């Protein structure tokens, strides 16, 4: 995991970019925004995001913006692929989260 700090207003990733990492929020807040810029969700301490693009090998479906100082950890795609091979239950859990987020 790579530690990162994002500042308020910083774009973590943009819609249509390739998925290169899964993000875990240690502290802070991130706004997930759709194509129009409207907020889809606000995520805080302990949440994760960016999993959809990694699981589907599709471009990012949303933009992520830090809304306050945010301490996060990145799990890069190469490491993500190794983790889901070693821990299939983790992949299953992520797939369930993706389905829930698509419904919301």
PDB file of N, CA and C in Angstrom:
ATOM      1  N   UNK A   1       0.845  -1.191   0.000  1.00  0.00           N
ATOM      2  CA  UNK A   1       0.000   0.000   0.000  1.00  0.00           C
ATOM      3  C   UNK A   1       0.877   1.237   0.000  1.00  0.00           C
ATOM      4  N   UNK A   2       0.485   2.202  -0.782  1.00  0.00           N
ATOM      5  CA  UNK A   2       1.214   3.466  -0.860  1.00  0.00           C
ATOM      6  C   UNK A   2       0.430   4.545  -0.123  1.00  0.00           C
ATOM      7  N   UNK A   3       1.020   5.159   0.909  1.00  0.00           N
ATOM      8  CA  UNK A   3       0.309   6.238   1.607  1.00  0.00           C
ATOM      9  C   UNK A   3       0.299   7.511   0.755  1.00  0.00           C
ATOM     10  N   UNK A   4      -0.826   8.228   0.795  1.00  0.00           N
ATOM     11  CA  UNK A   4      -0.954   9.496   0.071  1.00  0.00           C
ATOM     12  C   UNK A   4      -1.785  10.447   0.897  1.00  0.00           C
ATOM     13  N   UNK A   5      -1.512  11.714   0.738  1.00  0.00           N
ATOM     14  CA  UNK A   5      -2.318  12.770   1.350  1.00  0.00           C
ATOM     15  C   UNK A   5      -2.903  13.603   0.215  1.00  0.00           C
ATOM     16  N   UNK A   6      -4.202  13.807   0.267  1.00  0.00           N
ATOM     17  CA  UNK A   6      -4.888  14.648  -0.705  1.00  0.00           C
ATOM     18  C   UNK A   6      -5.404  15.891   0.013  1.00  0.00           C
ATOM     19  N   UNK A   7      -5.328  17.034  -0.651  1.00  0.00           N
ATOM     20  CA  UNK A   7      -5.767  18.296  -0.059  1.00  0.00           C
ATOM     21  C   UNK A   7      -7.173  18.630  -0.550  1.00  0.00           C
ATOM     22  N   UNK A   8      -7.903  19.461   0.199  1.00  0.00           N
ATOM     23  CA  UNK A   8      -9.261  19.814  -0.223  1.00  0.00           C
ATOM     24  C   UNK A   8      -9.285  20.356  -1.658  1.00  0.00           C
ATOM     25  N   UNK A   9     -10.204  19.817  -2.445  1.00  0.00           N
ATOM     26  CA  UNK A   9     -10.360  20.234  -3.831  1.00  0.00           C
ATOM     27  C   UNK A   9      -9.498  19.462  -4.821  1.00  0.00           C
ATOM     28  N   UNK A  10      -8.594  18.623  -4.326  1.00  0.00           N
ATOM     29  CA  UNK A  10      -7.716  17.861  -5.222  1.00  0.00           C
ATOM     30  C   UNK A  10      -8.479  16.724  -5.883  1.00  0.00           C
ATOM     31  N   UNK A  11      -8.336  16.626  -7.186  1.00  0.00           N
ATOM     32  CA  UNK A  11      -8.938  15.514  -7.925  1.00  0.00           C
ATOM     33  C   UNK A  11      -8.038  14.296  -7.767  1.00  0.00           C
ATOM     34  N   UNK A  12      -8.616  13.238  -7.275  1.00  0.00           N
ATOM     35  CA  UNK A  12      -7.870  12.001  -7.064  1.00  0.00           C
ATOM     36  C   UNK A  12      -7.823  11.218  -8.373  1.00  0.00           C
ATOM     37  N   UNK A  13      -8.952  11.159  -9.054  1.00  0.00           N
ATOM     38  CA  UNK A  13      -9.001  10.646 -10.425  1.00  0.00           C
ATOM     39  C   UNK A  13     -10.225  11.223 -11.111  1.00  0.00           C
ATOM     40  N   UNK A  14     -10.220  11.156 -12.446  1.00  0.00           N
ATOM     41  CA  UNK A  14     -11.298  11.706 -13.258  1.00  0.00           C
ATOM     42  C   UNK A  14     -12.056  10.610 -13.993  1.00  0.00           C
ATOM     43  N   UNK A  15     -13.316  10.885 -14.273  1.00  0.00           N
ATOM     44  CA  UNK A  15     -14.134   9.981 -15.065  1.00  0.00           C
ATOM     45  C   UNK A  15     -13.421   9.700 -16.390  1.00  0.00           C
ATOM     46  N   UNK A  16     -13.527   8.472 -16.859  1.00  0.00           N
ATOM     47  CA  UNK A  16     -12.969   7.992 -18.126  1.00  0.00           C
ATOM     48  C   UNK A  16     -11.466   7.732 -18.103  1.00  0.00           C
ATOM     49  N   UNK A  17     -10.794   7.990 -16.980  1.00  0.00           N
ATOM     50  CA  UNK A  17      -9.384   7.618 -16.880  1.00  0.00           C
ATOM     51  C   UNK A  17      -9.286   6.109 -16.646  1.00  0.00           C
ATOM     52  N   UNK A  18      -8.164   5.500 -17.019  1.00  0.00           N
ATOM     53  CA  UNK A  18      -7.998   4.082 -16.705  1.00  0.00           C
ATOM     54  C   UNK A  18      -7.891   3.866 -15.200  1.00  0.00           C
ATOM     55  N   UNK A  19      -8.396   2.737 -14.728  1.00  0.00           N
ATOM     56  CA  UNK A  19      -8.308   2.409 -13.306  1.00  0.00           C
ATOM     57  C   UNK A  19      -6.923   1.879 -12.980  1.00  0.00           C
ATOM     58  N   UNK A  20      -6.201   2.581 -12.129  1.00  0.00           N
ATOM     59  CA  UNK A  20      -4.841   2.170 -11.805  1.00  0.00           C
ATOM     60  C   UNK A  20      -4.640   1.831 -10.339  1.00  0.00           C
ATOM     61  N   UNK A  21      -5.672   2.087  -9.489  1.00  0.00           N
ATOM     62  CA  UNK A  21      -5.513   1.829  -8.058  1.00  0.00           C
ATOM     63  C   UNK A  21      -6.868   1.785  -7.356  1.00  0.00           C
ATOM     64  N   UNK A  22      -6.869   1.095  -6.226  1.00  0.00           N
ATOM     65  CA  UNK A  22      -7.985   1.073  -5.283  1.00  0.00           C
ATOM     66  C   UNK A  22      -7.553   1.962  -4.130  1.00  0.00           C
ATOM     67  N   UNK A  23      -8.440   2.782  -3.596  1.00  0.00           N
ATOM     68  CA  UNK A  23      -8.114   3.754  -2.556  1.00  0.00           C
ATOM     69  C   UNK A  23      -8.846   3.412  -1.261  1.00  0.00           C
ATOM     70  N   UNK A  24      -8.115   3.478  -0.153  1.00  0.00           N
ATOM     71  CA  UNK A  24      -8.672   3.279   1.178  1.00  0.00           C
ATOM     72  C   UNK A  24      -8.504   4.584   1.950  1.00  0.00           C
ATOM     73  N   UNK A  25      -9.592   5.108   2.503  1.00  0.00           N
ATOM     74  CA  UNK A  25      -9.529   6.355   3.259  1.00  0.00           C
ATOM     75  C   UNK A  25      -9.242   6.035   4.723  1.00  0.00           C
ATOM     76  N   UNK A  26      -8.105   6.521   5.210  1.00  0.00           N
ATOM     77  CA  UNK A  26      -7.815   6.376   6.632  1.00  0.00           C
ATOM     78  C   UNK A  26      -8.549   7.465   7.412  1.00  0.00           C
ATOM     79  N   UNK A  27      -8.413   8.687   6.943  1.00  0.00           N
ATOM     80  CA  UNK A  27      -9.150   9.795   7.553  1.00  0.00           C
ATOM     81  C   UNK A  27      -9.393  10.839   6.482  1.00  0.00           C
ATOM     82  N   UNK A  28     -10.476  11.556   6.635  1.00  0.00           N
ATOM     83  CA  UNK A  28     -10.826  12.584   5.669  1.00  0.00           C
ATOM     84  C   UNK A  28     -12.109  12.246   4.937  1.00  0.00           C
ATOM     85  N   UNK A  29     -12.325  12.966   3.834  1.00  0.00           N
ATOM     86  CA  UNK A  29     -13.574  12.814   3.109  1.00  0.00           C
ATOM     87  C   UNK A  29     -13.341  12.997   1.615  1.00  0.00           C
ATOM     88  N   UNK A  30     -14.007  12.156   0.825  1.00  0.00           N
ATOM     89  CA  UNK A  30     -13.894  12.194  -0.629  1.00  0.00           C
ATOM     90  C   UNK A  30     -15.292  12.217  -1.224  1.00  0.00           C
ATOM     91  N   UNK A  31     -15.480  13.094  -2.189  1.00  0.00           N
ATOM     92  CA  UNK A  31     -16.752  13.192  -2.897  1.00  0.00           C
ATOM     93  C   UNK A  31     -16.614  12.438  -4.216  1.00  0.00           C
ATOM     94  N   UNK A  32     -17.553  11.559  -4.497  1.00  0.00           N
ATOM     95  CA  UNK A  32     -17.598  10.827  -5.761  1.00  0.00           C
ATOM     96  C   UNK A  32     -18.633  11.529  -6.632  1.00  0.00           C
ATOM     97  N   UNK A  33     -18.209  11.963  -7.824  1.00  0.00           N
ATOM     98  CA  UNK A  33     -19.070  12.762  -8.702  1.00  0.00           C
ATOM     99  C   UNK A  33     -19.269  12.077 -10.046  1.00  0.00           C
ATOM    100  N   UNK A  34     -20.491  12.140 -10.535  1.00  0.00           N
ATOM    101  CA  UNK A  34     -20.829  11.564 -11.832  1.00  0.00           C
ATOM    102  C   UNK A  34     -20.370  12.438 -12.983  1.00  0.00           C
ATOM    103  N   UNK A  35     -20.740  12.051 -14.185  1.00  0.00           N
ATOM    104  CA  UNK A  35     -20.321  12.768 -15.401  1.00  0.00           C
ATOM    105  C   UNK A  35     -20.729  14.232 -15.409  1.00  0.00           C
ATOM    106  N   UNK A  36     -21.857  14.537 -14.801  1.00  0.00           N
ATOM    107  CA  UNK A  36     -22.334  15.922 -14.793  1.00  0.00           C
ATOM    108  C   UNK A  36     -21.679  16.760 -13.693  1.00  0.00           C
ATOM    109  N   UNK A  37     -20.923  16.108 -12.831  1.00  0.00           N
ATOM    110  CA  UNK A  37     -20.304  16.810 -11.708  1.00  0.00           C
ATOM    111  C   UNK A  37     -21.135  16.751 -10.444  1.00  0.00           C
ATOM    112  N   UNK A  38     -22.330  16.156 -10.543  1.00  0.00           N
ATOM    113  CA  UNK A  38     -23.193  16.032  -9.366  1.00  0.00           C
ATOM    114  C   UNK A  38     -22.635  14.961  -8.428  1.00  0.00           C
ATOM    115  N   UNK A  39     -22.779  15.194  -7.142  1.00  0.00           N
ATOM    116  CA  UNK A  39     -22.291  14.259  -6.138  1.00  0.00           C
ATOM    117  C   UNK A  39     -23.127  12.978  -6.147  1.00  0.00           C
ATOM    118  N   UNK A  40     -22.432  11.847  -6.193  1.00  0.00           N
ATOM    119  CA  UNK A  40     -23.079  10.541  -6.124  1.00  0.00           C
ATOM    120  C   UNK A  40     -23.016  10.022  -4.694  1.00  0.00           C
ATOM    121  N   UNK A  41     -21.870  10.252  -4.054  1.00  0.00           N
ATOM    122  CA  UNK A  41     -21.660   9.766  -2.688  1.00  0.00           C
ATOM    123  C   UNK A  41     -20.529  10.563  -2.049  1.00  0.00           C
ATOM    124  N   UNK A  42     -20.582  10.635  -0.736  1.00  0.00           N
ATOM    125  CA  UNK A  42     -19.492  11.204   0.035  1.00  0.00           C
ATOM    126  C   UNK A  42     -18.990  10.108   0.961  1.00  0.00           C
ATOM    127  N   UNK A  43     -17.699   9.819   0.866  1.00  0.00           N
ATOM    128  CA  UNK A  43     -17.089   8.722   1.614  1.00  0.00           C
ATOM    129  C   UNK A  43     -16.136   9.274   2.666  1.00  0.00           C
ATOM    130  N   UNK A  44     -16.093   8.607   3.816  1.00  0.00           N
ATOM    131  CA  UNK A  44     -15.238   9.059   4.906  1.00  0.00           C
ATOM    132  C   UNK A  44     -14.354   7.965   5.454  1.00  0.00           C
ATOM    133  N   UNK A  45     -13.918   8.166   6.684  1.00  0.00           N
ATOM    134  CA  UNK A  45     -12.982   7.261   7.350  1.00  0.00           C
ATOM    135  C   UNK A  45     -13.382   5.797   7.181  1.00  0.00           C
ATOM    136  N   UNK A  46     -12.425   4.980   6.737  1.00  0.00           N
ATOM    137  CA  UNK A  46     -12.648   3.546   6.604  1.00  0.00           C
ATOM    138  C   UNK A  46     -13.258   3.110   5.282  1.00  0.00           C
ATOM    139  N   UNK A  47     -13.702   4.044   4.463  1.00  0.00           N
ATOM    140  CA  UNK A  47     -14.315   3.687   3.176  1.00  0.00           C
ATOM    141  C   UNK A  47     -13.240   3.418   2.126  1.00  0.00           C
ATOM    142  N   UNK A  48     -13.664   2.787   1.045  1.00  0.00           N
ATOM    143  CA  UNK A  48     -12.767   2.577  -0.089  1.00  0.00           C
ATOM    144  C   UNK A  48     -13.509   2.923  -1.369  1.00  0.00           C
ATOM    145  N   UNK A  49     -12.737   3.201  -2.413  1.00  0.00           N
ATOM    146  CA  UNK A  49     -13.331   3.545  -3.708  1.00  0.00           C
ATOM    147  C   UNK A  49     -12.319   3.263  -4.810  1.00  0.00           C
ATOM    148  N   UNK A  50     -12.811   3.242  -6.038  1.00  0.00           N
ATOM    149  CA  UNK A  50     -11.955   2.978  -7.186  1.00  0.00           C
ATOM    150  C   UNK A  50     -11.953   1.524  -7.608  1.00  0.00           C
ATOM    151  N   UNK A  51     -12.756   0.708  -6.932  1.00  0.00           N
ATOM    152  CA  UNK A  51     -12.749  -0.734  -7.199  1.00  0.00           C
ATOM    153  C   UNK A  51     -13.431  -1.102  -8.507  1.00  0.00           C
ATOM    154  N   UNK A  52     -14.414  -0.311  -8.937  1.00  0.00           N
ATOM    155  CA  UNK A  52     -15.180  -0.675 -10.129  1.00  0.00           C
ATOM    156  C   UNK A  52     -14.297  -0.810 -11.361  1.00  0.00           C
ATOM    157  N   UNK A  53     -13.452   0.172 -11.585  1.00  0.00           N
ATOM    158  CA  UNK A  53     -12.593   0.150 -12.775  1.00  0.00           C
ATOM    159  C   UNK A  53     -11.598  -1.010 -12.722  1.00  0.00           C
ATOM    160  N   UNK A  54     -11.136  -1.355 -11.530  1.00  0.00           N
ATOM    161  CA  UNK A  54     -10.181  -2.458 -11.413  1.00  0.00           C
ATOM    162  C   UNK A  54     -10.839  -3.809 -11.666  1.00  0.00           C
ATOM    163  N   UNK A  55     -12.046  -3.988 -11.173  1.00  0.00           N
ATOM    164  CA  UNK A  55     -12.744  -5.260 -11.352  1.00  0.00           C
ATOM    165  C   UNK A  55     -13.237  -5.464 -12.779  1.00  0.00           C
ATOM    166  N   UNK A  56     -13.630  -4.383 -13.435  1.00  0.00           N
ATOM    167  CA  UNK A  56     -14.227  -4.494 -14.766  1.00  0.00           C
ATOM    168  C   UNK A  56     -13.238  -4.233 -15.906  1.00  0.00           C
ATOM    169  N   UNK A  57     -12.053  -3.724 -15.579  1.00  0.00           N
ATOM    170  CA  UNK A  57     -11.075  -3.304 -16.595  1.00  0.00           C
ATOM    171  C   UNK A  57     -11.669  -2.279 -17.555  1.00  0.00           C
ATOM    172  N   UNK A  58     -12.561  -1.467 -17.026  1.00  0.00           N
ATOM    173  CA  UNK A  58     -13.179  -0.387 -17.792  1.00  0.00           C
ATOM    174  C   UNK A  58     -12.649   0.947 -17.249  1.00  0.00           C
ATOM    175  N   UNK A  59     -12.790   2.027 -18.014  1.00  0.00           N
ATOM    176  CA  UNK A  59     -12.369   3.337 -17.500  1.00  0.00           C
ATOM    177  C   UNK A  59     -13.191   3.735 -16.272  1.00  0.00           C
ATOM    178  N   UNK A  60     -12.664   4.680 -15.530  1.00  0.00           N
ATOM    179  CA  UNK A  60     -13.356   5.187 -14.333  1.00  0.00           C
ATOM    180  C   UNK A  60     -14.755   5.669 -14.707  1.00  0.00           C
ATOM    181  N   UNK A  61     -15.737   5.351 -13.871  1.00  0.00           N
ATOM    182  CA  UNK A  61     -17.123   5.740 -14.129  1.00  0.00           C
ATOM    183  C   UNK A  61     -17.503   7.011 -13.375  1.00  0.00           C
ATOM    184  N   UNK A  62     -16.563   7.555 -12.599  1.00  0.00           N
ATOM    185  CA  UNK A  62     -16.841   8.755 -11.810  1.00  0.00           C
ATOM    186  C   UNK A  62     -15.532   9.498 -11.560  1.00  0.00           C
ATOM    187  N   UNK A  63     -15.668  10.682 -10.993  1.00  0.00           N
ATOM    188  CA  UNK A  63     -14.536  11.496 -10.568  1.00  0.00           C
ATOM    189  C   UNK A  63     -14.508  11.494  -9.054  1.00  0.00           C
ATOM    190  N   UNK A  64     -13.319  11.409  -8.475  1.00  0.00           N
ATOM    191  CA  UNK A  64     -13.163  11.446  -7.012  1.00  0.00           C
ATOM    192  C   UNK A  64     -12.396  12.711  -6.638  1.00  0.00           C
ATOM    193  N   UNK A  65     -12.962  13.486  -5.686  1.00  0.00           N
ATOM    194  CA  UNK A  65     -12.362  14.746  -5.255  1.00  0.00           C
ATOM    195  C   UNK A  65     -12.302  14.774  -3.736  1.00  0.00           C
ATOM    196  N   UNK A  66     -11.136  15.105  -3.190  1.00  0.00           N
ATOM    197  CA  UNK A  66     -11.015  15.263  -1.736  1.00  0.00           C
ATOM    198  C   UNK A  66     -11.780  16.525  -1.327  1.00  0.00           C
ATOM    199  N   UNK A  67     -12.621  16.403  -0.310  1.00  0.00           N
ATOM    200  CA  UNK A  67     -13.376  17.571   0.154  1.00  0.00           C
ATOM    201  C   UNK A  67     -12.773  18.158   1.427  1.00  0.00           C
ATOM    202  N   UNK A  68     -11.842  17.418   2.025  1.00  0.00           N
ATOM    203  CA  UNK A  68     -11.066  17.903   3.164  1.00  0.00           C
ATOM    204  C   UNK A  68      -9.733  17.162   3.115  1.00  0.00           C
ATOM    205  N   UNK A  69      -8.819  17.522   3.990  1.00  0.00           N
ATOM    206  CA  UNK A  69      -7.549  16.796   3.995  1.00  0.00           C
ATOM    207  C   UNK A  69      -7.840  15.319   4.181  1.00  0.00           C
ATOM    208  N   UNK A  70      -7.190  14.505   3.384  1.00  0.00           N
ATOM    209  CA  UNK A  70      -7.513  13.082   3.343  1.00  0.00           C
ATOM    210  C   UNK A  70      -6.231  12.253   3.369  1.00  0.00           C
ATOM    211  N   UNK A  71      -6.094  11.422   4.377  1.00  0.00           N
ATOM    212  CA  UNK A  71      -5.015  10.438   4.432  1.00  0.00           C
ATOM    213  C   UNK A  71      -5.565   9.156   3.834  1.00  0.00           C
ATOM    214  N   UNK A  72      -4.900   8.664   2.796  1.00  0.00           N
ATOM    215  CA  UNK A  72      -5.394   7.489   2.095  1.00  0.00           C
ATOM    216  C   UNK A  72      -4.241   6.534   1.787  1.00  0.00           C
ATOM    217  N   UNK A  73      -4.631   5.324   1.438  1.00  0.00           N
ATOM    218  CA  UNK A  73      -3.675   4.313   0.986  1.00  0.00           C
ATOM    219  C   UNK A  73      -4.128   3.810  -0.367  1.00  0.00           C
ATOM    220  N   UNK A  74      -3.182   3.681  -1.291  1.00  0.00           N
ATOM    221  CA  UNK A  74      -3.467   3.181  -2.630  1.00  0.00           C
ATOM    222  C   UNK A  74      -2.973   1.752  -2.750  1.00  0.00           C
ATOM    223  N   UNK A  75      -3.801   0.928  -3.353  1.00  0.00           N
ATOM    224  CA  UNK A  75      -3.406  -0.424  -3.722  1.00  0.00           C
ATOM    225  C   UNK A  75      -3.374  -0.426  -5.247  1.00  0.00           C
ATOM    226  N   UNK A  76      -2.167  -0.402  -5.820  1.00  0.00           N
ATOM    227  CA  UNK A  76      -2.013  -0.312  -7.272  1.00  0.00           C
ATOM    228  C   UNK A  76      -2.527  -1.573  -7.964  1.00  0.00           C
ATOM    229  N   UNK A  77      -2.909  -1.414  -9.213  1.00  0.00           N
ATOM    230  CA  UNK A  77      -3.546  -2.489  -9.980  1.00  0.00           C
ATOM    231  C   UNK A  77      -2.746  -3.791  -9.947  1.00  0.00           C
ATOM    232  N   UNK A  78      -1.443  -3.723 -10.108  1.00  0.00           N
ATOM    233  CA  UNK A  78      -0.628  -4.935 -10.106  1.00  0.00           C
ATOM    234  C   UNK A  78      -0.771  -5.674  -8.776  1.00  0.00           C
ATOM    235  N   UNK A  79      -0.707  -4.944  -7.691  1.00  0.00           N
ATOM    236  CA  UNK A  79      -0.858  -5.555  -6.362  1.00  0.00           C
ATOM    237  C   UNK A  79      -2.287  -6.017  -6.142  1.00  0.00           C
ATOM    238  N   UNK A  80      -3.251  -5.230  -6.618  1.00  0.00           N
ATOM    239  CA  UNK A  80      -4.664  -5.599  -6.512  1.00  0.00           C
ATOM    240  C   UNK A  80      -4.902  -6.957  -7.170  1.00  0.00           C
ATOM    241  N   UNK A  81      -4.355  -7.138  -8.369  1.00  0.00           N
ATOM    242  CA  UNK A  81      -4.539  -8.401  -9.084  1.00  0.00           C
ATOM    243  C   UNK A  81      -3.974  -9.574  -8.287  1.00  0.00           C
ATOM    244  N   UNK A  82      -2.832  -9.379  -7.649  1.00  0.00           N
ATOM    245  CA  UNK A  82      -2.244 -10.433  -6.813  1.00  0.00           C
ATOM    246  C   UNK A  82      -3.109 -10.731  -5.590  1.00  0.00           C
ATOM    247  N   UNK A  83      -3.642  -9.682  -4.976  1.00  0.00           N
ATOM    248  CA  UNK A  83      -4.466  -9.847  -3.774  1.00  0.00           C
ATOM    249  C   UNK A  83      -5.743 -10.616  -4.090  1.00  0.00           C
ATOM    250  N   UNK A  84      -6.425 -10.269  -5.177  1.00  0.00           N
ATOM    251  CA  UNK A  84      -7.693 -10.962  -5.455  1.00  0.00           C
ATOM    252  C   UNK A  84      -7.470 -12.409  -5.896  1.00  0.00           C
ATOM    253  N   UNK A  85      -6.281 -12.703  -6.441  1.00  0.00           N
ATOM    254  CA  UNK A  85      -5.967 -14.102  -6.745  1.00  0.00           C
ATOM    255  C   UNK A  85      -5.724 -14.887  -5.461  1.00  0.00           C
ATOM    256  N   UNK A  86      -5.028 -14.273  -4.528  1.00  0.00           N
ATOM    257  CA  UNK A  86      -4.692 -14.950  -3.266  1.00  0.00           C
ATOM    258  C   UNK A  86      -5.880 -15.019  -2.313  1.00  0.00           C
ATOM    259  N   UNK A  87      -6.802 -14.035  -2.410  1.00  0.00           N
ATOM    260  CA  UNK A  87      -7.940 -13.954  -1.490  1.00  0.00           C
ATOM    261  C   UNK A  87      -9.239 -13.796  -2.279  1.00  0.00           C
ATOM    262  N   UNK A  88      -9.755 -14.882  -2.825  1.00  0.00           N
ATOM    263  CA  UNK A  88     -10.980 -14.808  -3.632  1.00  0.00           C
ATOM    264  C   UNK A  88     -12.173 -14.218  -2.866  1.00  0.00           C
ATOM    265  N   UNK A  89     -12.208 -14.388  -1.559  1.00  0.00           N
ATOM    266  CA  UNK A  89     -13.313 -13.828  -0.767  1.00  0.00           C
ATOM    267  C   UNK A  89     -13.291 -12.298  -0.813  1.00  0.00           C
ATOM    268  N   UNK A  90     -12.106 -11.728  -0.888  1.00  0.00           N
ATOM    269  CA  UNK A  90     -11.986 -10.266  -0.999  1.00  0.00           C
ATOM    270  C   UNK A  90     -12.581  -9.805  -2.326  1.00  0.00           C
ATOM    271  N   UNK A  91     -12.283 -10.534  -3.395  1.00  0.00           N
ATOM    272  CA  UNK A  91     -12.852 -10.193  -4.701  1.00  0.00           C
ATOM    273  C   UNK A  91     -14.368 -10.297  -4.661  1.00  0.00           C
ATOM    274  N   UNK A  92     -14.892 -11.346  -4.056  1.00  0.00           N
ATOM    275  CA  UNK A  92     -16.339 -11.528  -3.937  1.00  0.00           C
ATOM    276  C   UNK A  92     -16.965 -10.364  -3.180  1.00  0.00           C
ATOM    277  N   UNK A  93     -16.320  -9.961  -2.088  1.00  0.00           N
ATOM    278  CA  UNK A  93     -16.819  -8.825  -1.303  1.00  0.00           C
ATOM    279  C   UNK A  93     -16.851  -7.555  -2.161  1.00  0.00           C
ATOM    280  N   UNK A  94     -15.784  -7.294  -2.899  1.00  0.00           N
ATOM    281  CA  UNK A  94     -15.737  -6.104  -3.750  1.00  0.00           C
ATOM    282  C   UNK A  94     -16.815  -6.152  -4.820  1.00  0.00           C
ATOM    283  N   UNK A  95     -17.047  -7.316  -5.396  1.00  0.00           N
ATOM    284  CA  UNK A  95     -18.090  -7.448  -6.414  1.00  0.00           C
ATOM    285  C   UNK A  95     -19.473  -7.149  -5.829  1.00  0.00           C
ATOM    286  N   UNK A  96     -19.686  -7.558  -4.587  1.00  0.00           N
ATOM    287  CA  UNK A  96     -20.959  -7.256  -3.919  1.00  0.00           C
ATOM    288  C   UNK A  96     -21.106  -5.754  -3.692  1.00  0.00           C
ATOM    289  N   UNK A  97     -20.033  -5.111  -3.289  1.00  0.00           N
ATOM    290  CA  UNK A  97     -20.061  -3.660  -3.086  1.00  0.00           C
ATOM    291  C   UNK A  97     -20.357  -2.946  -4.395  1.00  0.00           C
ATOM    292  N   UNK A  98     -19.732  -3.396  -5.480  1.00  0.00           N
ATOM    293  CA  UNK A  98     -19.983  -2.793  -6.791  1.00  0.00           C
ATOM    294  C   UNK A  98     -21.453  -2.907  -7.154  1.00  0.00           C
ATOM    295  N   UNK A  99     -22.058  -4.075  -6.961  1.00  0.00           N
ATOM    296  CA  UNK A  99     -23.484  -4.254  -7.266  1.00  0.00           C
ATOM    297  C   UNK A  99     -24.349  -3.325  -6.428  1.00  0.00           C
ATOM    298  N   UNK A 100     -24.031  -3.196  -5.138  1.00  0.00           N
ATOM    299  CA  UNK A 100     -24.783  -2.299  -4.264  1.00  0.00           C
ATOM    300  C   UNK A 100     -24.655  -0.855  -4.703  1.00  0.00           C
ATOM    301  N   UNK A 101     -23.468  -0.461  -5.121  1.00  0.00           N
ATOM    302  CA  UNK A 101     -23.249   0.932  -5.548  1.00  0.00           C
ATOM    303  C   UNK A 101     -23.954   1.207  -6.864  1.00  0.00           C
ATOM    304  N   UNK A 102     -24.048   0.230  -7.739  1.00  0.00           N
ATOM    305  CA  UNK A 102     -24.753   0.423  -9.005  1.00  0.00           C
ATOM    306  C   UNK A 102     -26.232   0.614  -8.776  1.00  0.00           C
ATOM    307  N   UNK A 103     -26.774  -0.038  -7.747  1.00  0.00           N
ATOM    308  CA  UNK A 103     -28.207   0.068  -7.431  1.00  0.00           C
ATOM    309  C   UNK A 103     -28.520   1.421  -6.806  1.00  0.00           C
ATOM    310  N   UNK A 104     -27.602   1.941  -6.041  1.00  0.00           N
ATOM    311  CA  UNK A 104     -27.826   3.228  -5.326  1.00  0.00           C
ATOM    312  C   UNK A 104     -27.862   4.408  -6.253  1.00  0.00           C
TER     313      UNK A 104
END
